[in-house]
Amino acid sequence: MNRKAIAAAAAVALLAAGCQSSQKPETQEQKSEMGCFAGTLTGTVAGGLIGSAFGGGWGRAAAAGVGTIAGGVIGHKLSC
């Protein structure tokens, strides 16, 4: 299977996992804080996985770094 396809599938799985809700009753503030954290973390991981699917050697490391940062920023903006 292609690395890009694996990275895309992992990103979709992580994004779907970030949408799960807890069984415990929580206040709105706790939900918002946890959702913000989960969105940022999911974006960071997904961006890193997608970025690492490109390039080779130092280029792959650079793409993973850029993907990690961009994914974290986008995940934070979307969830907070």
PDB file of N, CA and C in Angstrom:
ATOM      1  N   MET A   1       0.837  -1.176   0.000  1.00  0.00           N
ATOM      2  CA  MET A   1       0.000   0.000   0.000  1.00  0.00           C
ATOM      3  C   MET A   1       0.888   1.249   0.000  1.00  0.00           C
ATOM      4  N   ASN A   2       0.473   2.262  -0.642  1.00  0.00           N
ATOM      5  CA  ASN A   2       1.217   3.496  -0.779  1.00  0.00           C
ATOM      6  C   ASN A   2       1.316   4.236   0.553  1.00  0.00           C
ATOM      7  N   ARG A   3       2.457   4.858   0.838  1.00  0.00           N
ATOM      8  CA  ARG A   3       2.638   5.601   2.092  1.00  0.00           C
ATOM      9  C   ARG A   3       1.667   6.762   2.212  1.00  0.00           C
ATOM     10  N   LYS A   4       1.399   7.424   1.106  1.00  0.00           N
ATOM     11  CA  LYS A   4       0.468   8.556   1.142  1.00  0.00           C
ATOM     12  C   LYS A   4      -0.932   8.081   1.500  1.00  0.00           C
ATOM     13  N   ALA A   5      -1.330   6.924   1.001  1.00  0.00           N
ATOM     14  CA  ALA A   5      -2.648   6.385   1.328  1.00  0.00           C
ATOM     15  C   ALA A   5      -2.719   6.003   2.804  1.00  0.00           C
ATOM     16  N   ILE A   6      -1.643   5.428   3.334  1.00  0.00           N
ATOM     17  CA  ILE A   6      -1.606   5.073   4.754  1.00  0.00           C
ATOM     18  C   ILE A   6      -1.671   6.327   5.616  1.00  0.00           C
ATOM     19  N   ALA A   7      -0.911   7.347   5.236  1.00  0.00           N
ATOM     20  CA  ALA A   7      -0.925   8.596   6.003  1.00  0.00           C
ATOM     21  C   ALA A   7      -2.297   9.244   5.958  1.00  0.00           C
ATOM     22  N   ALA A   8      -2.948   9.231   4.818  1.00  0.00           N
ATOM     23  CA  ALA A   8      -4.284   9.814   4.707  1.00  0.00           C
ATOM     24  C   ALA A   8      -5.289   9.029   5.539  1.00  0.00           C
ATOM     25  N   ALA A   9      -5.197   7.705   5.515  1.00  0.00           N
ATOM     26  CA  ALA A   9      -6.115   6.881   6.304  1.00  0.00           C
ATOM     27  C   ALA A   9      -5.894   7.104   7.799  1.00  0.00           C
ATOM     28  N   ALA A  10      -4.650   7.228   8.214  1.00  0.00           N
ATOM     29  CA  ALA A  10      -4.352   7.491   9.624  1.00  0.00           C
ATOM     30  C   ALA A  10      -4.883   8.849  10.044  1.00  0.00           C
ATOM     31  N   ALA A  11      -4.756   9.839   9.179  1.00  0.00           N
ATOM     32  CA  ALA A  11      -5.256  11.178   9.494  1.00  0.00           C
ATOM     33  C   ALA A  11      -6.769  11.165   9.662  1.00  0.00           C
ATOM     34  N   VAL A  12      -7.469  10.461   8.788  1.00  0.00           N
ATOM     35  CA  VAL A  12      -8.922  10.377   8.892  1.00  0.00           C
ATOM     36  C   VAL A  12      -9.321   9.659  10.173  1.00  0.00           C
ATOM     37  N   ALA A  13      -8.617   8.586  10.513  1.00  0.00           N
ATOM     38  CA  ALA A  13      -8.928   7.848  11.741  1.00  0.00           C
ATOM     39  C   ALA A  13      -8.698   8.714  12.975  1.00  0.00           C
ATOM     40  N   LEU A  14      -7.628   9.486  12.981  1.00  0.00           N
ATOM     41  CA  LEU A  14      -7.350  10.360  14.125  1.00  0.00           C
ATOM     42  C   LEU A  14      -8.383  11.476  14.230  1.00  0.00           C
ATOM     43  N   LEU A  15      -8.771  12.024  13.111  1.00  0.00           N
ATOM     44  CA  LEU A  15      -9.782  13.078  13.135  1.00  0.00           C
ATOM     45  C   LEU A  15     -11.117  12.542  13.636  1.00  0.00           C
ATOM     46  N   ALA A  16     -11.469  11.337  13.234  1.00  0.00           N
ATOM     47  CA  ALA A  16     -12.722  10.735  13.700  1.00  0.00           C
ATOM     48  C   ALA A  16     -12.645  10.422  15.188  1.00  0.00           C
ATOM     49  N   ALA A  17     -11.486   9.994  15.666  1.00  0.00           N
ATOM     50  CA  ALA A  17     -11.330   9.682  17.089  1.00  0.00           C
ATOM     51  C   ALA A  17     -11.448  10.936  17.942  1.00  0.00           C
ATOM     52  N   GLY A  18     -11.065  12.069  17.414  1.00  0.00           N
ATOM     53  CA  GLY A  18     -11.165  13.325  18.156  1.00  0.00           C
ATOM     54  C   GLY A  18     -12.599  13.781  18.359  1.00  0.00           C
ATOM     55  N   CYS A  19     -13.539  13.184  17.654  1.00  0.00           N
ATOM     56  CA  CYS A  19     -14.951  13.572  17.759  1.00  0.00           C
ATOM     57  C   CYS A  19     -15.721  12.766  18.793  1.00  0.00           C
ATOM     58  N   GLN A  20     -15.070  11.815  19.443  1.00  0.00           N
ATOM     59  CA  GLN A  20     -15.761  10.991  20.422  1.00  0.00           C
ATOM     60  C   GLN A  20     -16.095  11.806  21.660  1.00  0.00           C
ATOM     61  N   SER A  21     -17.194  11.433  22.317  1.00  0.00           N
ATOM     62  CA  SER A  21     -17.596  12.131  23.533  1.00  0.00           C
ATOM     63  C   SER A  21     -17.410  11.218  24.736  1.00  0.00           C
ATOM     64  N   SER A  22     -17.271  11.823  25.879  1.00  0.00           N
ATOM     65  CA  SER A  22     -17.077  11.098  27.124  1.00  0.00           C
ATOM     66  C   SER A  22     -18.426  10.712  27.721  1.00  0.00           C
ATOM     67  N   GLN A  23     -18.452   9.661  28.523  1.00  0.00           N
ATOM     68  CA  GLN A  23     -19.666   9.226  29.197  1.00  0.00           C
ATOM     69  C   GLN A  23     -19.901   9.990  30.495  1.00  0.00           C
ATOM     70  N   LYS A  24     -18.882  10.665  31.021  1.00  0.00           N
ATOM     71  CA  LYS A  24     -18.994  11.398  32.283  1.00  0.00           C
ATOM     72  C   LYS A  24     -19.647  12.759  32.046  1.00  0.00           C
ATOM     73  N   PRO A  25     -20.516  13.174  32.968  1.00  0.00           N
ATOM     74  CA  PRO A  25     -21.058  14.536  32.837  1.00  0.00           C
ATOM     75  C   PRO A  25     -19.964  15.565  33.131  1.00  0.00           C
ATOM     76  N   GLU A  26     -19.824  16.526  32.253  1.00  0.00           N
ATOM     77  CA  GLU A  26     -18.798  17.554  32.407  1.00  0.00           C
ATOM     78  C   GLU A  26     -19.429  18.926  32.213  1.00  0.00           C
ATOM     79  N   THR A  27     -18.770  19.923  32.738  1.00  0.00           N
ATOM     80  CA  THR A  27     -19.255  21.279  32.527  1.00  0.00           C
ATOM     81  C   THR A  27     -18.900  21.720  31.114  1.00  0.00           C
ATOM     82  N   GLN A  28     -19.542  22.774  30.647  1.00  0.00           N
ATOM     83  CA  GLN A  28     -19.288  23.283  29.295  1.00  0.00           C
ATOM     84  C   GLN A  28     -17.839  23.745  29.157  1.00  0.00           C
ATOM     85  N   GLU A  29     -17.288  24.340  30.206  1.00  0.00           N
ATOM     86  CA  GLU A  29     -15.906  24.816  30.155  1.00  0.00           C
ATOM     87  C   GLU A  29     -14.930  23.648  29.997  1.00  0.00           C
ATOM     88  N   GLN A  30     -15.170  22.540  30.719  1.00  0.00           N
ATOM     89  CA  GLN A  30     -14.304  21.379  30.605  1.00  0.00           C
ATOM     90  C   GLN A  30     -14.395  20.773  29.209  1.00  0.00           C
ATOM     91  N   LYS A  31     -15.589  20.716  28.651  1.00  0.00           N
ATOM     92  CA  LYS A  31     -15.762  20.186  27.307  1.00  0.00           C
ATOM     93  C   LYS A  31     -15.016  21.035  26.291  1.00  0.00           C
ATOM     94  N   SER A  32     -15.117  22.343  26.434  1.00  0.00           N
ATOM     95  CA  SER A  32     -14.466  23.250  25.504  1.00  0.00           C
ATOM     96  C   SER A  32     -12.946  23.114  25.585  1.00  0.00           C
ATOM     97  N   GLU A  33     -12.422  23.043  26.801  1.00  0.00           N
ATOM     98  CA  GLU A  33     -10.979  22.930  26.980  1.00  0.00           C
ATOM     99  C   GLU A  33     -10.465  21.604  26.417  1.00  0.00           C
ATOM    100  N   MET A  34     -11.180  20.524  26.699  1.00  0.00           N
ATOM    101  CA  MET A  34     -10.756  19.212  26.210  1.00  0.00           C
ATOM    102  C   MET A  34     -10.885  19.134  24.698  1.00  0.00           C
ATOM    103  N   GLY A  35     -11.940  19.723  24.139  1.00  0.00           N
ATOM    104  CA  GLY A  35     -12.107  19.740  22.688  1.00  0.00           C
ATOM    105  C   GLY A  35     -11.009  20.524  22.003  1.00  0.00           C
ATOM    106  N   CYS A  36     -10.611  21.628  22.611  1.00  0.00           N
ATOM    107  CA  CYS A  36      -9.532  22.447  22.063  1.00  0.00           C
ATOM    108  C   CYS A  36      -8.224  21.657  22.059  1.00  0.00           C
ATOM    109  N   PHE A  37      -7.935  20.994  23.177  1.00  0.00           N
ATOM    110  CA  PHE A  37      -6.719  20.195  23.284  1.00  0.00           C
ATOM    111  C   PHE A  37      -6.739  19.037  22.289  1.00  0.00           C
ATOM    112  N   ALA A  38      -7.877  18.340  22.207  1.00  0.00           N
ATOM    113  CA  ALA A  38      -7.988  17.197  21.300  1.00  0.00           C
ATOM    114  C   ALA A  38      -7.838  17.633  19.846  1.00  0.00           C
ATOM    115  N   GLY A  39      -8.434  18.758  19.482  1.00  0.00           N
ATOM    116  CA  GLY A  39      -8.323  19.248  18.109  1.00  0.00           C
ATOM    117  C   GLY A  39      -6.898  19.623  17.746  1.00  0.00           C
ATOM    118  N   THR A  40      -6.211  20.278  18.678  1.00  0.00           N
ATOM    119  CA  THR A  40      -4.825  20.669  18.445  1.00  0.00           C
ATOM    120  C   THR A  40      -3.929  19.441  18.329  1.00  0.00           C
ATOM    121  N   LEU A  41      -4.106  18.499  19.237  1.00  0.00           N
ATOM    122  CA  LEU A  41      -3.294  17.282  19.217  1.00  0.00           C
ATOM    123  C   LEU A  41      -3.565  16.460  17.959  1.00  0.00           C
ATOM    124  N   THR A  42      -4.819  16.314  17.596  1.00  0.00           N
ATOM    125  CA  THR A  42      -5.169  15.558  16.396  1.00  0.00           C
ATOM    126  C   THR A  42      -4.597  16.212  15.150  1.00  0.00           C
ATOM    127  N   GLY A  43      -4.705  17.532  15.065  1.00  0.00           N
ATOM    128  CA  GLY A  43      -4.134  18.245  13.923  1.00  0.00           C
ATOM    129  C   GLY A  43      -2.628  18.093  13.843  1.00  0.00           C
ATOM    130  N   THR A  44      -1.973  18.133  14.988  1.00  0.00           N
ATOM    131  CA  THR A  44      -0.515  17.984  15.028  1.00  0.00           C
ATOM    132  C   THR A  44      -0.087  16.613  14.537  1.00  0.00           C
ATOM    133  N   VAL A  45      -0.733  15.575  15.053  1.00  0.00           N
ATOM    134  CA  VAL A  45      -0.382  14.213  14.657  1.00  0.00           C
ATOM    135  C   VAL A  45      -0.702  13.974  13.186  1.00  0.00           C
ATOM    136  N   ALA A  46      -1.891  14.391  12.767  1.00  0.00           N
ATOM    137  CA  ALA A  46      -2.279  14.190  11.366  1.00  0.00           C
ATOM    138  C   ALA A  46      -1.348  14.949  10.423  1.00  0.00           C
ATOM    139  N   GLY A  47      -1.014  16.184  10.774  1.00  0.00           N
ATOM    140  CA  GLY A  47      -0.104  16.962   9.937  1.00  0.00           C
ATOM    141  C   GLY A  47       1.269  16.333   9.835  1.00  0.00           C
ATOM    142  N   GLY A  48       1.757  15.808  10.945  1.00  0.00           N
ATOM    143  CA  GLY A  48       3.055  15.127  10.938  1.00  0.00           C
ATOM    144  C   GLY A  48       3.037  13.873  10.085  1.00  0.00           C
ATOM    145  N   LEU A  49       1.962  13.095  10.187  1.00  0.00           N
ATOM    146  CA  LEU A  49       1.852  11.880   9.376  1.00  0.00           C
ATOM    147  C   LEU A  49       1.756  12.204   7.890  1.00  0.00           C
ATOM    148  N   ILE A  50       0.955  13.181   7.564  1.00  0.00           N
ATOM    149  CA  ILE A  50       0.803  13.554   6.161  1.00  0.00           C
ATOM    150  C   ILE A  50       2.108  14.146   5.626  1.00  0.00           C
ATOM    151  N   GLY A  51       2.745  15.016   6.410  1.00  0.00           N
ATOM    152  CA  GLY A  51       4.004  15.616   5.980  1.00  0.00           C
ATOM    153  C   GLY A  51       5.112  14.594   5.795  1.00  0.00           C
ATOM    154  N   SER A  52       5.140  13.559   6.644  1.00  0.00           N
ATOM    155  CA  SER A  52       6.203  12.559   6.545  1.00  0.00           C
ATOM    156  C   SER A  52       6.039  11.649   5.333  1.00  0.00           C
ATOM    157  N   ALA A  53       4.904  11.726   4.667  1.00  0.00           N
ATOM    158  CA  ALA A  53       4.690  10.909   3.474  1.00  0.00           C
ATOM    159  C   ALA A  53       5.369  11.515   2.243  1.00  0.00           C
ATOM    160  N   PHE A  54       5.904  12.707   2.370  1.00  0.00           N
ATOM    161  CA  PHE A  54       6.510  13.402   1.236  1.00  0.00           C
ATOM    162  C   PHE A  54       8.018  13.511   1.424  1.00  0.00           C
ATOM    163  N   GLY A  55       8.738  13.534   0.327  1.00  0.00           N
ATOM    164  CA  GLY A  55      10.173  13.771   0.341  1.00  0.00           C
ATOM    165  C   GLY A  55      10.968  12.559   0.781  1.00  0.00           C
ATOM    166  N   GLY A  56      12.246  12.793   0.980  1.00  0.00           N
ATOM    167  CA  GLY A  56      13.160  11.749   1.419  1.00  0.00           C
ATOM    168  C   GLY A  56      14.328  12.376   2.150  1.00  0.00           C
ATOM    169  N   GLY A  57      14.874  11.682   3.131  1.00  0.00           N
ATOM    170  CA  GLY A  57      15.999  12.198   3.899  1.00  0.00           C
ATOM    171  C   GLY A  57      15.615  13.451   4.667  1.00  0.00           C
ATOM    172  N   TRP A  58      16.427  14.506   4.477  1.00  0.00           N
ATOM    173  CA  TRP A  58      16.151  15.774   5.164  1.00  0.00           C
ATOM    174  C   TRP A  58      14.841  16.400   4.692  1.00  0.00           C
ATOM    175  N   GLY A  59      14.504  16.181   3.440  1.00  0.00           N
ATOM    176  CA  GLY A  59      13.248  16.706   2.909  1.00  0.00           C
ATOM    177  C   GLY A  59      12.043  16.112   3.624  1.00  0.00           C
ATOM    178  N   ARG A  60      12.123  14.831   3.944  1.00  0.00           N
ATOM    179  CA  ARG A  60      11.027  14.173   4.666  1.00  0.00           C
ATOM    180  C   ARG A  60      10.920  14.743   6.081  1.00  0.00           C
ATOM    181  N   ALA A  61      12.056  14.936   6.726  1.00  0.00           N
ATOM    182  CA  ALA A  61      12.052  15.497   8.084  1.00  0.00           C
ATOM    183  C   ALA A  61      11.486  16.916   8.066  1.00  0.00           C
ATOM    184  N   ALA A  62      11.876  17.694   7.078  1.00  0.00           N
ATOM    185  CA  ALA A  62      11.369  19.065   6.969  1.00  0.00           C
ATOM    186  C   ALA A  62       9.869  19.075   6.689  1.00  0.00           C
ATOM    187  N   ALA A  63       9.422  18.197   5.799  1.00  0.00           N
ATOM    188  CA  ALA A  63       7.995  18.126   5.487  1.00  0.00           C
ATOM    189  C   ALA A  63       7.188  17.681   6.707  1.00  0.00           C
ATOM    190  N   ALA A  64       7.726  16.743   7.482  1.00  0.00           N
ATOM    191  CA  ALA A  64       7.040  16.295   8.697  1.00  0.00           C
ATOM    192  C   ALA A  64       6.967  17.430   9.716  1.00  0.00           C
ATOM    193  N   GLY A  65       8.048  18.188   9.840  1.00  0.00           N
ATOM    194  CA  GLY A  65       8.047  19.322  10.766  1.00  0.00           C
ATOM    195  C   GLY A  65       7.052  20.394  10.376  1.00  0.00           C
ATOM    196  N   VAL A  66       7.042  20.733   9.110  1.00  0.00           N
ATOM    197  CA  VAL A  66       6.093  21.741   8.618  1.00  0.00           C
ATOM    198  C   VAL A  66       4.662  21.227   8.767  1.00  0.00           C
ATOM    199  N   GLY A  67       4.438  19.957   8.442  1.00  0.00           N
ATOM    200  CA  GLY A  67       3.112  19.369   8.582  1.00  0.00           C
ATOM    201  C   GLY A  67       2.640  19.345  10.029  1.00  0.00           C
ATOM    202  N   THR A  68       3.556  19.063  10.950  1.00  0.00           N
ATOM    203  CA  THR A  68       3.219  19.039  12.369  1.00  0.00           C
ATOM    204  C   THR A  68       2.783  20.416  12.847  1.00  0.00           C
ATOM    205  N   ILE A  69       3.553  21.417  12.501  1.00  0.00           N
ATOM    206  CA  ILE A  69       3.228  22.785  12.927  1.00  0.00           C
ATOM    207  C   ILE A  69       1.928  23.261  12.274  1.00  0.00           C
ATOM    208  N   ALA A  70       1.822  23.064  10.962  1.00  0.00           N
ATOM    209  CA  ALA A  70       0.621  23.510  10.252  1.00  0.00           C
ATOM    210  C   ALA A  70      -0.617  22.768  10.751  1.00  0.00           C
ATOM    211  N   GLY A  71      -0.495  21.466  10.968  1.00  0.00           N
ATOM    212  CA  GLY A  71      -1.623  20.680  11.468  1.00  0.00           C
ATOM    213  C   GLY A  71      -2.061  21.124  12.852  1.00  0.00           C
ATOM    214  N   GLY A  72      -1.096  21.428  13.723  1.00  0.00           N
ATOM    215  CA  GLY A  72      -1.434  21.908  15.057  1.00  0.00           C
ATOM    216  C   GLY A  72      -2.152  23.245  15.029  1.00  0.00           C
ATOM    217  N   VAL A  73      -1.676  24.140  14.185  1.00  0.00           N
ATOM    218  CA  VAL A  73      -2.311  25.457  14.062  1.00  0.00           C
ATOM    219  C   VAL A  73      -3.723  25.328  13.502  1.00  0.00           C
ATOM    220  N   ILE A  74      -3.872  24.531  12.459  1.00  0.00           N
ATOM    221  CA  ILE A  74      -5.193  24.362  11.845  1.00  0.00           C
ATOM    222  C   ILE A  74      -6.144  23.654  12.811  1.00  0.00           C
ATOM    223  N   GLY A  75      -5.662  22.604  13.483  1.00  0.00           N
ATOM    224  CA  GLY A  75      -6.511  21.909  14.462  1.00  0.00           C
ATOM    225  C   GLY A  75      -6.931  22.820  15.596  1.00  0.00           C
ATOM    226  N   HIS A  76      -6.038  23.681  16.042  1.00  0.00           N
ATOM    227  CA  HIS A  76      -6.357  24.627  17.121  1.00  0.00           C
ATOM    228  C   HIS A  76      -7.406  25.647  16.659  1.00  0.00           C
ATOM    229  N   LYS A  77      -7.211  26.183  15.456  1.00  0.00           N
ATOM    230  CA  LYS A  77      -8.148  27.173  14.925  1.00  0.00           C
ATOM    231  C   LYS A  77      -9.552  26.576  14.734  1.00  0.00           C
ATOM    232  N   LEU A  78      -9.623  25.321  14.306  1.00  0.00           N
ATOM    233  CA  LEU A  78     -10.917  24.705  14.046  1.00  0.00           C
ATOM    234  C   LEU A  78     -11.647  24.291  15.324  1.00  0.00           C
ATOM    235  N   SER A  79     -10.908  23.941  16.362  1.00  0.00           N
ATOM    236  CA  SER A  79     -11.557  23.401  17.554  1.00  0.00           C
ATOM    237  C   SER A  79     -11.704  24.389  18.704  1.00  0.00           C
ATOM    238  N   CYS A  80     -10.999  25.495  18.667  1.00  0.00           N
ATOM    239  CA  CYS A  80     -11.045  26.440  19.803  1.00  0.00           C
ATOM    240  C   CYS A  80     -11.851  27.670  19.465  1.00  0.00           C
TER     241      CYS A  80
END
